[in-house]
Amino acid sequence: MYLFNKNQRRLLVYFAVFYVLLLIFCHFNSARDPGSYFFRPEEGYRPHYSVRRILESRHFISWFNQSSAQPKQSLQNVTSGGRDPTICAGIVTVKRPIQQNLDTAVGSLLDGLSREQRANIVVHVLFALSNPSDHPDYQQPWASNVIDRILTYKNSGADVDKMERWERENMIKDKSLIDYQLSLRSCYDGTKAPWILLLEDDVVAQREWYRHTMRSLETIEHWRSHAKIKDWLYLRLFYTEKFLGWNTEEWPTYLISSLAVTSLVALAGVCARRRSRPMQGILTNSFLAVVCLLCVPLLIALYFLAGRVTVQPMRPGVHLMNSHGCCSQALLFPREKAPLLIDHLEKLQKTRPEPVDSAIEILADQEGLDRWTMSPSQMQHVGAASYKENRKSYGLDGPYTVKGAHGVWSMSFEKAYQAPFDPDAS
């Protein structure tokens, strides 16, 4: 004697086939979700758009990398009539152990801009070395032809002897906090730009980053003017999905939601059995027990295994991200927040040095300031390695030509932008 009748067995077979198809779908669809059971690093970290942007930016910079560059070739800020820039982009650059990316960072920031947009941006680059000539790009012609202000410890008022000692003693946290202050202060004191964008030197920007960023700022300012949001500290232009998965601290919510779904299915089955005579022969107590205790839990498990980024993706636009945002590759601050941040970093450096990204989050939490992010990311982290990692030796990670395609990586950046590469477009 069978436990289930023919119709019930048929439905269970249909469910088994459907579930296998879902598993196959998730195997491919969640391959780029680092929080998924089906995540495949060779797919998740596969560079697509970033390769094109690196090629475009290097081609762009090559036009200005001539010692005999004429004034008309200079790409320095072309603001006329005393108009203040809209964005001051501050970049801290260091000598990296494997590969330098400053040229691609600056090039990608500028190569998609119209003349009007370029007039709205100034670029300040701090060569964060006690001897800036040790940096491979410091004396390159393109640097003086493209960068609006070249900073060193000497011309920015830093204690060069102390910075040199910190370099020797590998005091990365202390030094990074000072570097961030110097870059932030340069934009705040040296310009009247209402927005200060601080970048690391190993990012690459998508071609329309400026237009998308200004549109996002307009949205945030509109919300702020209508009291829909509270005060905020920064807008994030880069994030990694690596830390956006299911969070252990939210397990009570997940458990309650799962129990609620199971209960609703059971209730729906009982109601359907009472209202429909044909259902009475199918939705028996034993069959509902299998559905609620086996089938539904299997679907719930697959939902979580598929990954949060897969099943709950962020729509394009501006999103609140007060936690799990990483890292400090590209953060845009309102001008009025610069003194607060500078003072905070200075105090922290003297008392309890922290990594820059952690220090910024501490300030935001202390002051109750929101943090916003743009989705998809406007920047990609392409750096291969940093001395901050304090390794015994440095090797190239990952199988791809973009050596930053591992670890801190934006999966969405690679698929969100697919503009064709035109070497003559610049």
Protein backbone atom coordinates (compact mmCIF):
# COMPACT_ATOMS: atom_id res chain seq x y z
CA MET A 1 0.00 0.00 0.00
CA TYR A 2 1.45 3.34 -1.10
CA LEU A 3 1.70 6.25 1.31
CA PHE A 4 0.58 8.62 -1.44
CA ASN A 5 -1.91 8.24 -4.29
CA LYS A 6 -1.07 8.61 -7.98
CA ASN A 7 -1.75 12.37 -8.18
CA GLN A 8 0.34 13.06 -5.12
CA ARG A 9 3.25 11.03 -6.43
CA ARG A 10 3.04 12.85 -9.75
CA LEU A 11 3.20 16.22 -7.99
CA LEU A 12 6.24 15.13 -5.98
CA VAL A 13 7.99 13.99 -9.17
CA TYR A 14 7.20 17.36 -10.78
CA PHE A 15 8.66 19.11 -7.76
CA ALA A 16 11.84 17.00 -7.92
CA VAL A 17 12.32 17.85 -11.61
CA PHE A 18 11.60 21.53 -10.95
CA TYR A 19 14.09 21.57 -8.08
CA VAL A 20 16.84 20.01 -10.18
CA LEU A 21 16.24 22.66 -12.85
CA LEU A 22 16.49 25.36 -10.17
CA LEU A 23 19.81 23.90 -9.02
CA ILE A 24 21.16 24.05 -12.57
CA PHE A 25 19.91 27.62 -12.97
CA CYS A 26 21.55 28.71 -9.70
CA HIS A 27 24.80 27.03 -10.71
CA PHE A 28 25.11 29.49 -13.59
CA ASN A 29 23.14 32.48 -12.33
CA SER A 30 24.91 32.74 -8.95
CA ALA A 31 28.43 32.10 -10.19
CA ARG A 32 29.35 35.79 -9.70
CA ASP A 33 27.78 36.13 -6.24
CA PRO A 34 30.53 35.78 -3.59
CA GLY A 35 27.92 35.07 -0.93
CA SER A 36 26.49 32.13 -2.83
CA TYR A 37 27.17 28.44 -2.43
CA PHE A 38 27.41 28.36 -6.23
CA PHE A 39 30.04 31.11 -6.40
CA ARG A 40 32.87 30.32 -8.80
CA PRO A 41 35.92 32.58 -8.32
CA GLU A 42 37.06 32.10 -11.92
CA GLU A 43 33.76 33.65 -13.03
CA GLY A 44 33.18 36.11 -10.19
CA TYR A 45 36.59 37.72 -10.58
CA ARG A 46 36.69 37.56 -14.35
CA PRO A 47 37.39 41.10 -15.62
CA HIS A 48 35.33 42.40 -18.52
CA TYR A 49 34.69 46.13 -18.57
CA SER A 50 37.71 46.99 -16.42
CA VAL A 51 40.04 45.59 -19.10
CA ARG A 52 38.51 47.96 -21.63
CA ARG A 53 38.72 50.92 -19.28
CA ILE A 54 42.39 50.25 -18.54
CA LEU A 55 43.14 50.17 -22.27
CA GLU A 56 41.16 53.36 -22.86
CA SER A 57 42.78 55.25 -19.99
CA ARG A 58 46.32 54.22 -20.95
CA HIS A 59 45.67 55.23 -24.53
CA PHE A 60 44.32 58.54 -23.27
CA ILE A 61 47.31 59.21 -20.97
CA SER A 62 49.75 58.36 -23.75
CA TRP A 63 48.73 61.56 -25.56
CA PHE A 64 50.09 63.59 -22.64
CA ASN A 65 53.15 61.51 -21.80
CA GLN A 66 55.58 63.60 -23.83
CA SER A 67 58.15 65.91 -22.30
CA SER A 68 57.65 68.26 -25.25
CA ALA A 69 53.89 68.49 -24.71
CA GLN A 70 52.60 71.82 -25.92
CA PRO A 71 50.20 73.93 -23.82
CA LYS A 72 47.25 72.98 -26.01
CA GLN A 73 47.86 69.34 -25.08
CA SER A 74 47.69 70.01 -21.35
CA LEU A 75 44.67 68.54 -19.69
CA GLN A 76 44.92 70.53 -16.52
CA ASN A 77 41.76 72.20 -15.30
CA VAL A 78 40.48 74.65 -17.90
CA THR A 79 38.22 76.64 -15.58
CA SER A 80 37.98 80.21 -16.79
CA GLY A 81 36.48 83.32 -15.34
CA GLY A 82 37.36 82.36 -11.78
CA ARG A 83 34.60 79.76 -11.54
CA ASP A 84 35.06 77.28 -8.72
CA PRO A 85 35.22 73.57 -9.51
CA THR A 86 32.40 71.24 -8.53
CA ILE A 87 34.57 68.30 -7.47
CA CYS A 88 38.09 68.17 -6.11
CA ALA A 89 39.49 64.68 -6.62
CA GLY A 90 42.25 63.86 -4.18
CA ILE A 91 44.42 60.80 -4.82
CA VAL A 92 47.04 59.40 -2.47
CA THR A 93 49.60 57.36 -4.36
CA VAL A 94 52.38 55.17 -3.01
CA LYS A 95 55.02 52.98 -4.56
CA ARG A 96 53.42 49.56 -4.87
CA PRO A 97 55.32 46.27 -4.74
CA ILE A 98 54.11 44.81 -8.04
CA GLN A 99 52.31 47.20 -10.34
CA GLN A 100 51.61 50.94 -10.47
CA ASN A 101 48.10 52.01 -11.45
CA LEU A 102 48.16 55.78 -10.99
CA ASP A 103 48.11 56.47 -14.72
CA THR A 104 45.01 54.35 -15.27
CA ALA A 105 43.32 55.84 -12.20
CA VAL A 106 43.82 59.42 -13.36
CA GLY A 107 43.26 58.59 -17.01
CA SER A 108 39.97 56.79 -16.42
CA LEU A 109 38.81 59.65 -14.22
CA LEU A 110 39.27 62.19 -17.01
CA ASP A 111 39.10 60.51 -20.40
CA GLY A 112 35.31 60.42 -20.68
CA LEU A 113 34.77 64.04 -19.69
CA SER A 114 33.59 66.84 -21.93
CA ARG A 115 35.48 70.13 -21.79
CA GLU A 116 32.75 71.56 -19.59
CA GLN A 117 32.91 68.61 -17.20
CA ARG A 118 36.71 68.79 -17.04
CA ALA A 119 36.38 72.43 -16.06
CA ASN A 120 34.33 71.31 -13.07
CA ILE A 121 37.02 69.00 -11.69
CA VAL A 122 40.45 69.57 -10.18
CA VAL A 123 42.80 66.66 -9.52
CA HIS A 124 45.24 66.74 -6.60
CA VAL A 125 47.70 63.86 -6.27
CA LEU A 126 49.81 63.31 -3.17
CA PHE A 127 52.97 61.29 -3.81
CA ALA A 128 53.09 59.81 -0.31
CA LEU A 129 56.80 59.05 -0.10
CA SER A 130 59.52 60.82 1.87
CA ASN A 131 61.42 60.85 -1.42
CA PRO A 132 58.73 61.30 -4.10
CA SER A 133 61.24 60.58 -6.86
CA ASP A 134 61.11 56.94 -5.77
CA HIS A 135 57.62 56.77 -7.23
CA PRO A 136 57.79 55.57 -10.86
CA ASP A 137 55.23 58.15 -12.06
CA TYR A 138 56.51 61.21 -10.22
CA GLN A 139 58.72 62.46 -13.02
CA GLN A 140 56.63 61.15 -15.90
CA PRO A 141 55.61 63.93 -18.34
CA TRP A 142 51.93 62.98 -18.19
CA ALA A 143 51.79 63.77 -14.47
CA SER A 144 52.66 67.44 -14.90
CA ASN A 145 50.53 67.68 -18.04
CA VAL A 146 47.40 66.18 -16.51
CA ILE A 147 47.40 66.62 -12.72
CA ASP A 148 46.26 70.02 -11.48
CA ARG A 149 48.27 69.96 -8.27
CA ILE A 150 51.13 67.60 -7.41
CA LEU A 151 51.62 67.26 -3.66
CA THR A 152 54.57 65.93 -1.70
CA TYR A 153 55.22 65.80 2.02
CA LYS A 154 57.50 68.81 1.63
CA ASN A 155 55.11 71.15 -0.16
CA SER A 156 52.08 70.06 1.87
CA GLY A 157 53.59 70.94 5.24
CA ALA A 158 54.06 67.41 6.58
CA ASP A 159 56.91 66.43 8.89
CA VAL A 160 59.16 64.76 6.33
CA ASP A 161 61.52 63.27 8.91
CA LYS A 162 58.65 61.69 10.80
CA MET A 163 57.10 60.31 7.63
CA GLU A 164 60.45 58.85 6.59
CA ARG A 165 60.78 57.16 9.98
CA TRP A 166 57.27 55.74 9.70
CA GLU A 167 58.14 54.37 6.27
CA ARG A 168 61.19 52.60 7.67
CA GLU A 169 59.25 51.23 10.65
CA ASN A 170 56.31 50.22 8.46
CA MET A 171 53.81 52.22 10.55
CA ILE A 172 51.16 51.95 7.86
CA LYS A 173 48.12 52.91 9.93
CA ASP A 174 49.66 56.13 11.25
CA LYS A 175 51.03 57.10 7.87
CA SER A 176 47.77 56.36 6.03
CA LEU A 177 45.79 58.56 8.41
CA ILE A 178 48.21 61.46 7.83
CA ASP A 179 48.13 60.91 4.05
CA TYR A 180 44.33 61.01 4.01
CA GLN A 181 44.35 64.21 6.07
CA LEU A 182 46.82 65.88 3.70
CA SER A 183 44.80 64.96 0.63
CA LEU A 184 41.54 66.06 2.22
CA ARG A 185 43.06 69.31 3.49
CA SER A 186 44.53 70.10 0.06
CA CYS A 187 41.08 69.95 -1.52
CA TYR A 188 39.43 71.82 1.35
CA ASP A 189 42.01 74.62 1.71
CA GLY A 190 43.09 74.80 -1.92
CA THR A 191 39.67 74.88 -3.59
CA LYS A 192 36.08 75.86 -2.89
CA ALA A 193 34.69 72.71 -4.45
CA PRO A 194 31.44 71.67 -2.70
CA TRP A 195 32.34 68.00 -3.14
CA ILE A 196 35.61 66.27 -2.27
CA LEU A 197 36.27 62.88 -3.87
CA LEU A 198 39.08 60.89 -2.25
CA LEU A 199 40.44 58.00 -4.26
CA GLU A 200 43.06 55.34 -3.88
CA ASP A 201 45.57 55.12 -6.71
CA ASP A 202 44.55 51.66 -7.88
CA VAL A 203 41.00 52.24 -9.09
CA VAL A 204 39.58 52.60 -12.57
CA ALA A 205 36.42 54.62 -13.25
CA GLN A 206 33.59 53.85 -15.62
CA ARG A 207 33.34 56.30 -18.49
CA GLU A 208 30.17 58.12 -17.34
CA TRP A 209 31.07 58.28 -13.65
CA TYR A 210 30.83 62.08 -13.45
CA ARG A 211 27.33 62.35 -14.88
CA HIS A 212 26.04 59.46 -12.79
CA THR A 213 27.64 60.85 -9.63
CA MET A 214 26.21 64.33 -10.07
CA ARG A 215 22.77 62.86 -10.70
CA SER A 216 23.05 60.81 -7.51
CA LEU A 217 24.12 63.88 -5.55
CA GLU A 218 21.09 65.75 -6.86
CA THR A 219 18.88 62.91 -5.62
CA ILE A 220 20.46 62.92 -2.16
CA GLU A 221 20.27 66.71 -1.88
CA HIS A 222 16.62 66.63 -2.94
CA TRP A 223 15.85 64.07 -0.23
CA ARG A 224 17.80 66.13 2.29
CA SER A 225 16.03 69.39 1.42
CA HIS A 226 12.66 67.69 1.91
CA ALA A 227 13.75 66.16 5.24
CA LYS A 228 13.39 62.61 3.89
CA ILE A 229 16.85 61.62 5.10
CA LYS A 230 19.14 62.64 7.94
CA ASP A 231 22.60 64.15 7.74
CA TRP A 232 25.18 62.08 5.90
CA LEU A 233 28.95 61.71 5.69
CA TYR A 234 29.81 60.32 2.28
CA LEU A 235 28.65 58.82 -1.00
CA ARG A 236 30.43 55.59 -1.86
CA LEU A 237 31.45 55.12 -5.51
CA PHE A 238 32.91 51.67 -4.97
CA TYR A 239 31.73 48.68 -2.97
CA THR A 240 32.38 44.97 -3.07
CA GLU A 241 29.63 42.39 -2.91
CA LYS A 242 31.94 40.22 -0.82
CA PHE A 243 30.45 41.60 2.41
CA LEU A 244 26.84 41.94 1.28
CA GLY A 245 25.80 38.33 1.84
CA TRP A 246 23.59 36.86 4.55
CA ASN A 247 24.65 38.23 7.93
CA THR A 248 24.82 36.01 11.00
CA GLU A 249 23.50 38.80 13.22
CA GLU A 250 20.23 38.73 11.28
CA TRP A 251 19.58 34.99 11.76
CA PRO A 252 16.49 35.61 13.96
CA THR A 253 14.90 37.53 11.08
CA TYR A 254 15.74 34.75 8.63
CA LEU A 255 14.34 32.10 10.97
CA ILE A 256 11.10 33.96 11.64
CA SER A 257 10.65 34.65 7.92
CA SER A 258 11.22 30.97 7.07
CA LEU A 259 8.73 29.82 9.69
CA ALA A 260 6.22 32.37 8.44
CA VAL A 261 6.53 31.13 4.85
CA THR A 262 6.12 27.51 5.95
CA SER A 263 3.09 28.42 8.04
CA LEU A 264 1.48 30.33 5.17
CA VAL A 265 1.95 27.35 2.85
CA ALA A 266 0.37 25.03 5.42
CA LEU A 267 -2.53 27.45 5.96
CA ALA A 268 -3.07 27.83 2.22
CA GLY A 269 -3.12 24.04 1.82
CA VAL A 270 -5.68 23.57 4.57
CA CYS A 271 -7.91 26.35 3.20
CA ALA A 272 -7.70 24.93 -0.34
CA ARG A 273 -8.66 21.48 0.94
CA ARG A 274 -11.72 22.84 2.72
CA ARG A 275 -12.96 24.91 -0.22
CA SER A 276 -12.25 22.51 -3.10
CA ARG A 277 -13.52 18.92 -3.11
CA PRO A 278 -10.91 17.74 -5.72
CA MET A 279 -8.14 19.02 -3.43
CA GLN A 280 -9.31 16.86 -0.54
CA GLY A 281 -7.85 13.77 -2.19
CA ILE A 282 -4.50 15.51 -2.77
CA LEU A 283 -3.92 17.82 0.18
CA THR A 284 -4.06 15.12 2.82
CA ASN A 285 -2.35 15.60 6.15
CA SER A 286 0.55 13.35 5.17
CA PHE A 287 1.04 15.13 1.85
CA LEU A 288 0.92 18.59 3.48
CA ALA A 289 3.46 17.36 6.00
CA VAL A 290 5.87 16.40 3.21
CA VAL A 291 5.27 19.73 1.45
CA CYS A 292 5.79 21.82 4.58
CA LEU A 293 8.59 19.79 6.17
CA LEU A 294 10.53 18.82 3.05
CA CYS A 295 9.61 20.74 -0.11
CA VAL A 296 9.29 24.21 1.40
CA PRO A 297 12.50 23.90 3.49
CA LEU A 298 14.36 22.73 0.38
CA LEU A 299 13.20 25.83 -1.51
CA ILE A 300 14.07 28.09 1.42
CA ALA A 301 17.51 26.49 1.66
CA LEU A 302 18.08 27.05 -2.05
CA TYR A 303 17.00 30.67 -1.66
CA PHE A 304 19.77 31.22 0.88
CA LEU A 305 22.31 29.11 -0.99
CA ALA A 306 21.72 31.18 -4.14
CA GLY A 307 23.12 34.21 -2.33
CA ARG A 308 21.72 37.51 -1.17
CA VAL A 309 23.12 39.52 -4.06
CA THR A 310 21.38 37.13 -6.46
CA VAL A 311 17.95 37.03 -4.84
CA GLN A 312 17.94 40.59 -3.43
CA PRO A 313 20.02 42.61 -5.90
CA MET A 314 20.42 46.35 -5.47
CA ARG A 315 18.63 48.27 -8.18
CA PRO A 316 20.58 50.97 -10.04
CA GLY A 317 20.53 54.18 -8.06
CA VAL A 318 21.35 55.46 -4.59
CA HIS A 319 21.14 53.17 -1.56
CA LEU A 320 21.74 53.51 2.15
CA MET A 321 24.77 51.46 3.24
CA ASN A 322 25.51 52.14 6.89
CA SER A 323 27.16 48.76 7.36
CA HIS A 324 29.12 46.18 5.38
CA GLY A 325 30.45 48.83 2.98
CA CYS A 326 34.02 48.22 1.86
CA CYS A 327 36.39 49.90 1.43
CA SER A 328 37.91 53.42 1.09
CA GLN A 329 38.77 53.16 -2.62
CA ALA A 330 36.37 55.95 -3.67
CA LEU A 331 34.45 58.11 -1.20
CA LEU A 332 32.85 61.48 -1.95
CA PHE A 333 32.36 63.89 0.96
CA PRO A 334 30.36 67.10 1.23
CA ARG A 335 32.75 69.99 1.73
CA GLU A 336 31.26 70.92 5.09
CA LYS A 337 32.22 67.51 6.51
CA ALA A 338 35.93 67.93 5.74
CA PRO A 339 36.93 69.77 8.97
CA LEU A 340 35.07 67.19 11.08
CA LEU A 341 36.82 64.32 9.31
CA ILE A 342 40.25 65.96 9.44
CA ASP A 343 39.97 66.57 13.19
CA HIS A 344 38.75 63.01 13.76
CA LEU A 345 41.60 61.44 11.80
CA GLU A 346 44.13 63.62 13.60
CA LYS A 347 42.82 62.63 17.04
CA LEU A 348 42.64 58.98 16.11
CA GLN A 349 46.18 58.98 14.77
CA LYS A 350 47.48 60.36 18.05
CA THR A 351 45.50 58.02 20.31
CA ARG A 352 44.43 54.80 18.60
CA PRO A 353 45.46 54.48 14.94
CA GLU A 354 43.03 52.55 12.76
CA PRO A 355 42.91 51.79 9.04
CA VAL A 356 41.43 54.72 7.14
CA ASP A 357 38.19 52.98 6.19
CA SER A 358 37.60 51.87 9.79
CA ALA A 359 38.41 55.35 11.06
CA ILE A 360 35.79 56.89 8.77
CA GLU A 361 33.15 54.38 9.85
CA ILE A 362 33.92 55.12 13.51
CA LEU A 363 33.24 58.81 12.89
CA ALA A 364 29.99 58.10 11.08
CA ASP A 365 28.77 55.87 13.91
CA GLN A 366 29.79 58.38 16.59
CA GLU A 367 28.05 61.28 14.86
CA GLY A 368 25.03 59.29 13.67
CA LEU A 369 25.74 60.12 10.02
CA ASP A 370 24.33 58.10 7.16
CA ARG A 371 26.45 56.59 4.40
CA TRP A 372 25.16 56.27 0.86
CA THR A 373 26.34 54.22 -2.08
CA MET A 374 25.77 54.20 -5.81
CA SER A 375 24.74 51.00 -7.51
CA PRO A 376 26.34 49.70 -9.60
CA SER A 377 29.82 50.77 -8.55
CA GLN A 378 31.30 53.66 -10.50
CA MET A 379 34.85 52.49 -9.81
CA GLN A 380 36.68 49.18 -9.87
CA HIS A 381 39.62 48.20 -7.67
CA VAL A 382 42.35 46.88 -9.95
CA GLY A 383 45.37 47.05 -7.65
CA ALA A 384 47.42 43.88 -7.40
CA ALA A 385 48.94 44.43 -3.96
CA SER A 386 49.91 47.02 -1.38
CA TYR A 387 52.61 47.20 1.25
CA LYS A 388 49.74 47.66 3.73
CA GLU A 389 49.27 43.90 3.44
CA ASN A 390 52.70 43.46 5.05
CA ARG A 391 53.47 40.19 3.26
CA LYS A 392 56.81 38.45 3.37
CA SER A 393 56.71 38.26 -0.41
CA TYR A 394 54.46 39.63 -3.12
CA GLY A 395 53.18 37.61 -6.02
CA LEU A 396 50.49 38.13 -8.60
CA ASP A 397 47.16 36.77 -7.41
CA GLY A 398 44.57 35.45 -9.82
CA PRO A 399 44.80 34.19 -13.37
CA TYR A 400 43.75 37.40 -15.12
CA THR A 401 45.62 40.26 -16.74
CA VAL A 402 43.89 42.66 -14.33
CA LYS A 403 45.90 41.70 -11.28
CA GLY A 404 43.41 43.25 -8.88
CA ALA A 405 40.81 40.67 -9.93
CA HIS A 406 40.70 39.03 -6.52
CA GLY A 407 39.56 39.92 -3.02
CA VAL A 408 38.26 43.50 -2.97
CA TRP A 409 36.43 43.43 -6.29
CA SER A 410 33.12 44.77 -7.61
CA MET A 411 31.35 42.00 -9.49
CA SER A 412 28.58 44.32 -10.72
CA PHE A 413 31.03 46.80 -12.29
CA GLU A 414 32.20 44.27 -14.85
CA LYS A 415 28.74 43.60 -16.30
CA ALA A 416 27.02 46.96 -15.83
CA TYR A 417 28.90 48.93 -18.47
CA GLN A 418 29.57 47.64 -21.95
CA ALA A 419 30.54 50.66 -24.04
CA PRO A 420 32.78 49.71 -27.00
CA PHE A 421 36.43 50.64 -26.93
CA ASP A 422 37.25 53.28 -29.50
CA PRO A 423 40.95 54.23 -29.44
CA ASP A 424 40.21 57.39 -31.42
CA ALA A 425 37.40 58.55 -29.15
CA SER A 426 39.79 60.45 -26.91
